[in-house]
N, C-alpha and C. Protein backbone atom coordinates (compact mmCIF):
# COMPACT_ATOMS: atom_id res chain seq x y z
N VAL A 1 68.51 100.66 137.09
CA VAL A 1 69.78 100.94 136.44
C VAL A 1 70.40 99.64 135.93
N ILE A 2 70.35 98.59 136.72
CA ILE A 2 70.91 97.30 136.31
C ILE A 2 70.18 96.75 135.10
N ILE A 3 68.87 96.87 135.10
CA ILE A 3 68.07 96.39 133.96
C ILE A 3 68.44 97.17 132.70
N LEU A 4 68.63 98.48 132.83
CA LEU A 4 69.02 99.30 131.70
C LEU A 4 70.39 98.88 131.16
N ILE A 5 71.33 98.65 132.03
CA ILE A 5 72.67 98.20 131.63
C ILE A 5 72.59 96.86 130.92
N LEU A 6 71.81 95.93 131.45
CA LEU A 6 71.65 94.61 130.82
C LEU A 6 70.97 94.73 129.45
N ALA A 7 69.99 95.61 129.35
CA ALA A 7 69.29 95.81 128.08
C ALA A 7 70.23 96.38 127.03
N ILE A 8 71.03 97.36 127.39
CA ILE A 8 71.98 97.95 126.46
C ILE A 8 73.04 96.93 126.05
N GLY A 9 73.53 96.18 127.01
CA GLY A 9 74.52 95.14 126.73
C GLY A 9 73.95 94.07 125.82
N GLY A 10 72.71 93.65 126.07
CA GLY A 10 72.06 92.65 125.23
C GLY A 10 71.86 93.15 123.81
N TYR A 11 71.44 94.39 123.67
CA TYR A 11 71.24 94.98 122.35
C TYR A 11 72.57 95.05 121.59
N ALA A 12 73.63 95.46 122.27
CA ALA A 12 74.94 95.56 121.63
C ALA A 12 75.43 94.18 121.19
N PHE A 13 75.21 93.16 122.02
CA PHE A 13 75.64 91.81 121.68
C PHE A 13 74.87 91.29 120.46
N ILE A 14 73.57 91.45 120.46
CA ILE A 14 72.74 90.97 119.34
C ILE A 14 73.11 91.73 118.06
N ASN A 15 73.29 93.04 118.18
CA ASN A 15 73.64 93.85 117.01
C ASN A 15 75.01 93.46 116.45
N SER A 16 75.93 93.07 117.30
CA SER A 16 77.26 92.69 116.83
C SER A 16 77.24 91.39 116.04
N LYS A 17 76.21 90.57 116.24
CA LYS A 17 76.10 89.29 115.53
C LYS A 17 75.39 89.42 114.19
N LYS A 18 74.75 90.56 113.95
CA LYS A 18 74.07 90.76 112.67
C LYS A 18 75.10 90.98 111.57
N PRO A 19 74.80 90.55 110.35
CA PRO A 19 75.74 90.81 109.25
C PRO A 19 75.82 92.30 108.95
N GLY A 20 76.97 92.69 108.43
CA GLY A 20 77.15 94.08 108.03
C GLY A 20 76.39 94.37 106.74
N ARG A 21 76.08 95.62 106.53
CA ARG A 21 75.29 96.02 105.37
C ARG A 21 76.00 95.72 104.05
N TYR A 22 77.33 95.78 104.04
CA TYR A 22 78.09 95.60 102.80
C TYR A 22 78.95 94.33 102.81
N ASP A 23 78.55 93.33 103.57
CA ASP A 23 79.34 92.09 103.66
C ASP A 23 79.59 91.46 102.30
N GLU A 24 78.55 91.31 101.49
CA GLU A 24 78.71 90.65 100.19
C GLU A 24 79.60 91.46 99.26
N PHE A 25 79.45 92.77 99.28
CA PHE A 25 80.29 93.64 98.46
C PHE A 25 81.75 93.53 98.89
N ALA A 26 82.00 93.60 100.19
CA ALA A 26 83.37 93.49 100.71
C ALA A 26 83.98 92.13 100.38
N LYS A 27 83.21 91.08 100.53
CA LYS A 27 83.71 89.73 100.19
C LYS A 27 84.05 89.64 98.71
N CYS A 28 83.20 90.21 97.86
CA CYS A 28 83.43 90.19 96.42
C CYS A 28 84.72 90.93 96.09
N LEU A 29 84.95 92.09 96.69
CA LEU A 29 86.18 92.84 96.43
C LEU A 29 87.41 92.00 96.75
N SER A 30 87.38 91.32 97.88
CA SER A 30 88.51 90.48 98.26
C SER A 30 88.66 89.29 97.33
N GLU A 31 87.54 88.69 96.94
CA GLU A 31 87.60 87.56 96.00
C GLU A 31 88.17 87.97 94.66
N LYS A 32 87.94 89.23 94.26
CA LYS A 32 88.46 89.74 92.99
C LYS A 32 89.91 90.20 93.11
N GLY A 33 90.48 90.08 94.31
CA GLY A 33 91.89 90.41 94.51
C GLY A 33 92.17 91.85 94.89
N ALA A 34 91.14 92.64 95.17
CA ALA A 34 91.35 94.03 95.58
C ALA A 34 92.01 94.08 96.96
N VAL A 35 93.02 94.92 97.08
CA VAL A 35 93.74 95.09 98.34
C VAL A 35 93.79 96.58 98.63
N ILE A 36 93.53 96.94 99.87
CA ILE A 36 93.67 98.33 100.29
C ILE A 36 94.86 98.43 101.24
N TYR A 37 95.75 99.35 100.94
CA TYR A 37 96.88 99.64 101.81
C TYR A 37 96.57 100.95 102.52
N GLY A 38 96.69 100.93 103.83
CA GLY A 38 96.37 102.12 104.59
C GLY A 38 97.21 102.24 105.84
N ALA A 39 96.93 103.27 106.60
CA ALA A 39 97.60 103.52 107.87
C ALA A 39 96.54 103.70 108.93
N ASP A 40 96.70 103.02 110.04
CA ASP A 40 95.69 103.08 111.09
C ASP A 40 95.47 104.50 111.62
N GLY A 41 96.49 105.34 111.60
CA GLY A 41 96.36 106.70 112.10
C GLY A 41 95.94 107.71 111.04
N CYS A 42 95.70 107.25 109.84
CA CYS A 42 95.35 108.14 108.72
C CYS A 42 93.84 108.39 108.71
N MET A 43 93.44 109.65 108.70
CA MET A 43 92.01 109.95 108.72
C MET A 43 91.32 109.52 107.43
N TYR A 44 92.04 109.47 106.34
CA TYR A 44 91.44 109.05 105.07
C TYR A 44 91.25 107.53 105.04
N THR A 45 92.22 106.80 105.58
CA THR A 45 92.05 105.36 105.72
C THR A 45 90.87 105.07 106.63
N GLN A 46 90.75 105.82 107.71
CA GLN A 46 89.63 105.62 108.63
C GLN A 46 88.30 105.96 107.95
N ALA A 47 88.30 106.96 107.09
CA ALA A 47 87.07 107.31 106.37
C ALA A 47 86.65 106.16 105.46
N GLN A 48 87.63 105.55 104.76
CA GLN A 48 87.31 104.41 103.89
C GLN A 48 86.79 103.25 104.72
N ARG A 49 87.43 103.00 105.86
CA ARG A 49 87.00 101.92 106.75
C ARG A 49 85.58 102.18 107.25
N THR A 50 85.28 103.42 107.60
CA THR A 50 83.96 103.77 108.11
C THR A 50 82.87 103.56 107.06
N MET A 51 83.20 103.79 105.80
CA MET A 51 82.21 103.57 104.73
C MET A 51 81.70 102.13 104.74
N PHE A 52 82.60 101.18 105.02
CA PHE A 52 82.23 99.77 105.02
C PHE A 52 81.61 99.33 106.35
N GLY A 53 81.82 100.11 107.40
CA GLY A 53 81.30 99.72 108.70
C GLY A 53 81.87 98.38 109.14
N LYS A 54 81.02 97.55 109.73
CA LYS A 54 81.53 96.27 110.22
C LYS A 54 81.83 95.29 109.10
N SER A 55 81.46 95.61 107.88
CA SER A 55 81.80 94.76 106.73
C SER A 55 83.27 94.89 106.35
N PHE A 56 83.97 95.88 106.91
CA PHE A 56 85.39 96.06 106.59
C PHE A 56 86.22 94.84 106.96
N LYS A 57 85.73 94.03 107.88
CA LYS A 57 86.48 92.84 108.27
C LYS A 57 86.69 91.87 107.10
N PHE A 58 85.90 92.02 106.04
CA PHE A 58 86.04 91.15 104.87
C PHE A 58 86.95 91.75 103.80
N ILE A 59 87.40 92.97 104.02
CA ILE A 59 88.29 93.65 103.06
C ILE A 59 89.72 93.18 103.29
N ASN A 60 90.45 92.99 102.20
CA ASN A 60 91.86 92.62 102.30
C ASN A 60 92.65 93.91 102.57
N TYR A 61 92.88 94.18 103.86
CA TYR A 61 93.54 95.40 104.31
C TYR A 61 94.96 95.08 104.74
N LYS A 62 95.91 95.91 104.28
CA LYS A 62 97.31 95.73 104.68
C LYS A 62 97.89 97.09 105.04
N ASP A 63 98.83 97.04 105.96
CA ASP A 63 99.55 98.25 106.34
C ASP A 63 100.34 98.76 105.15
N TYR A 64 100.33 100.06 104.93
CA TYR A 64 100.98 100.63 103.75
C TYR A 64 102.48 100.34 103.69
N THR A 65 103.11 100.11 104.86
CA THR A 65 104.54 99.84 104.87
C THR A 65 104.86 98.47 104.27
N LYS A 66 103.86 97.64 104.11
CA LYS A 66 104.05 96.32 103.53
C LYS A 66 103.65 96.30 102.05
N GLY A 67 103.31 97.46 101.53
CA GLY A 67 102.85 97.54 100.14
C GLY A 67 103.96 97.88 99.17
N PRO A 68 103.64 97.77 97.90
CA PRO A 68 104.61 98.06 96.84
C PRO A 68 104.79 99.56 96.63
N ASN A 69 105.69 100.17 97.42
CA ASN A 69 106.02 101.58 97.27
C ASN A 69 104.79 102.49 97.41
N ILE A 70 104.02 102.27 98.45
CA ILE A 70 102.82 103.06 98.72
C ILE A 70 103.22 104.40 99.33
N LYS A 71 102.78 105.47 98.71
CA LYS A 71 103.10 106.83 99.19
C LYS A 71 101.89 107.55 99.76
N ILE A 72 100.68 107.21 99.30
CA ILE A 72 99.45 107.87 99.72
C ILE A 72 98.50 106.82 100.30
N THR A 73 97.90 107.16 101.44
CA THR A 73 96.93 106.22 102.02
C THR A 73 95.56 106.87 102.05
N PRO A 74 94.54 106.08 101.81
CA PRO A 74 94.62 104.69 101.38
C PRO A 74 94.95 104.58 99.88
N THR A 75 95.52 103.44 99.52
CA THR A 75 95.75 103.10 98.12
C THR A 75 95.16 101.72 97.88
N TRP A 76 94.30 101.62 96.89
CA TRP A 76 93.73 100.34 96.48
C TRP A 76 94.58 99.80 95.33
N ILE A 77 94.86 98.51 95.35
CA ILE A 77 95.48 97.83 94.22
C ILE A 77 94.41 96.87 93.68
N ILE A 78 94.01 97.12 92.43
CA ILE A 78 92.98 96.31 91.78
C ILE A 78 93.48 95.99 90.37
N ASN A 79 93.57 94.72 90.07
CA ASN A 79 94.06 94.29 88.75
C ASN A 79 95.40 94.94 88.40
N ASN A 80 96.29 94.97 89.39
CA ASN A 80 97.65 95.53 89.24
C ASN A 80 97.66 97.03 88.94
N ASN A 81 96.56 97.72 89.17
CA ASN A 81 96.49 99.17 89.02
C ASN A 81 96.31 99.81 90.38
N ARG A 82 96.85 101.01 90.53
CA ARG A 82 96.76 101.77 91.78
C ARG A 82 95.64 102.80 91.71
N TYR A 83 94.90 102.88 92.80
CA TYR A 83 93.86 103.90 92.95
C TYR A 83 94.07 104.54 94.31
N GLU A 84 94.62 105.75 94.30
CA GLU A 84 94.98 106.42 95.54
C GLU A 84 93.80 107.22 96.09
N ARG A 85 93.80 107.33 97.38
CA ARG A 85 92.80 108.08 98.14
C ARG A 85 91.51 107.26 98.31
N VAL A 86 90.57 107.83 99.04
CA VAL A 86 89.29 107.16 99.31
C VAL A 86 88.55 106.94 97.99
N GLN A 87 88.05 105.73 97.80
CA GLN A 87 87.30 105.39 96.59
C GLN A 87 85.83 105.19 96.94
N SER A 88 84.96 105.67 96.10
CA SER A 88 83.53 105.49 96.32
C SER A 88 83.15 104.04 96.03
N PHE A 89 82.01 103.62 96.55
CA PHE A 89 81.53 102.28 96.25
C PHE A 89 81.25 102.14 94.75
N GLU A 90 80.76 103.20 94.15
CA GLU A 90 80.48 103.17 92.71
C GLU A 90 81.76 102.90 91.92
N ARG A 91 82.83 103.56 92.30
CA ARG A 91 84.13 103.38 91.62
C ARG A 91 84.66 101.97 91.85
N LEU A 92 84.63 101.50 93.08
CA LEU A 92 85.11 100.14 93.38
C LEU A 92 84.28 99.11 92.63
N SER A 93 82.99 99.35 92.54
CA SER A 93 82.10 98.44 91.81
C SER A 93 82.46 98.42 90.33
N ALA A 94 82.70 99.57 89.74
CA ALA A 94 83.05 99.66 88.33
C ALA A 94 84.39 98.99 88.03
N LEU A 95 85.32 99.08 88.97
CA LEU A 95 86.65 98.51 88.76
C LEU A 95 86.67 96.99 88.92
N THR A 96 85.71 96.44 89.66
CA THR A 96 85.74 95.02 90.00
C THR A 96 84.53 94.23 89.52
N ASP A 97 83.50 94.90 89.07
CA ASP A 97 82.22 94.26 88.73
C ASP A 97 81.51 93.68 89.94
N CYS A 98 81.90 94.13 91.13
CA CYS A 98 81.19 93.72 92.35
C CYS A 98 80.01 94.67 92.55
N LYS A 99 78.89 94.12 92.93
CA LYS A 99 77.68 94.92 93.14
C LYS A 99 77.51 95.25 94.62
N PHE A 100 77.07 96.47 94.89
CA PHE A 100 76.77 96.85 96.27
C PHE A 100 75.32 97.30 96.35
N SER A 101 74.77 97.20 97.53
CA SER A 101 73.39 97.66 97.71
C SER A 101 73.21 98.24 99.09
């Protein structure tokens, strides 16, 4: 049992150090000035966060209460334009010229 616990813990630690699948895409979005305003308790914000997985840490995320009159979460602000609700990677890519794979 102890060996199994150590093996699972070791696997989790090693896996946490691996880069996320969308790290470069997420970094590009932030470099292009894309900001997502969301609410931690919002299932749609959580869905957008889940799409990025651990790469979400590179996304410029802000609480919607700190945004410019945000009424729907999530809301992306890209090039001073608003895009409400969950956005696909294809849409985010088209809006920013960031490539995802």
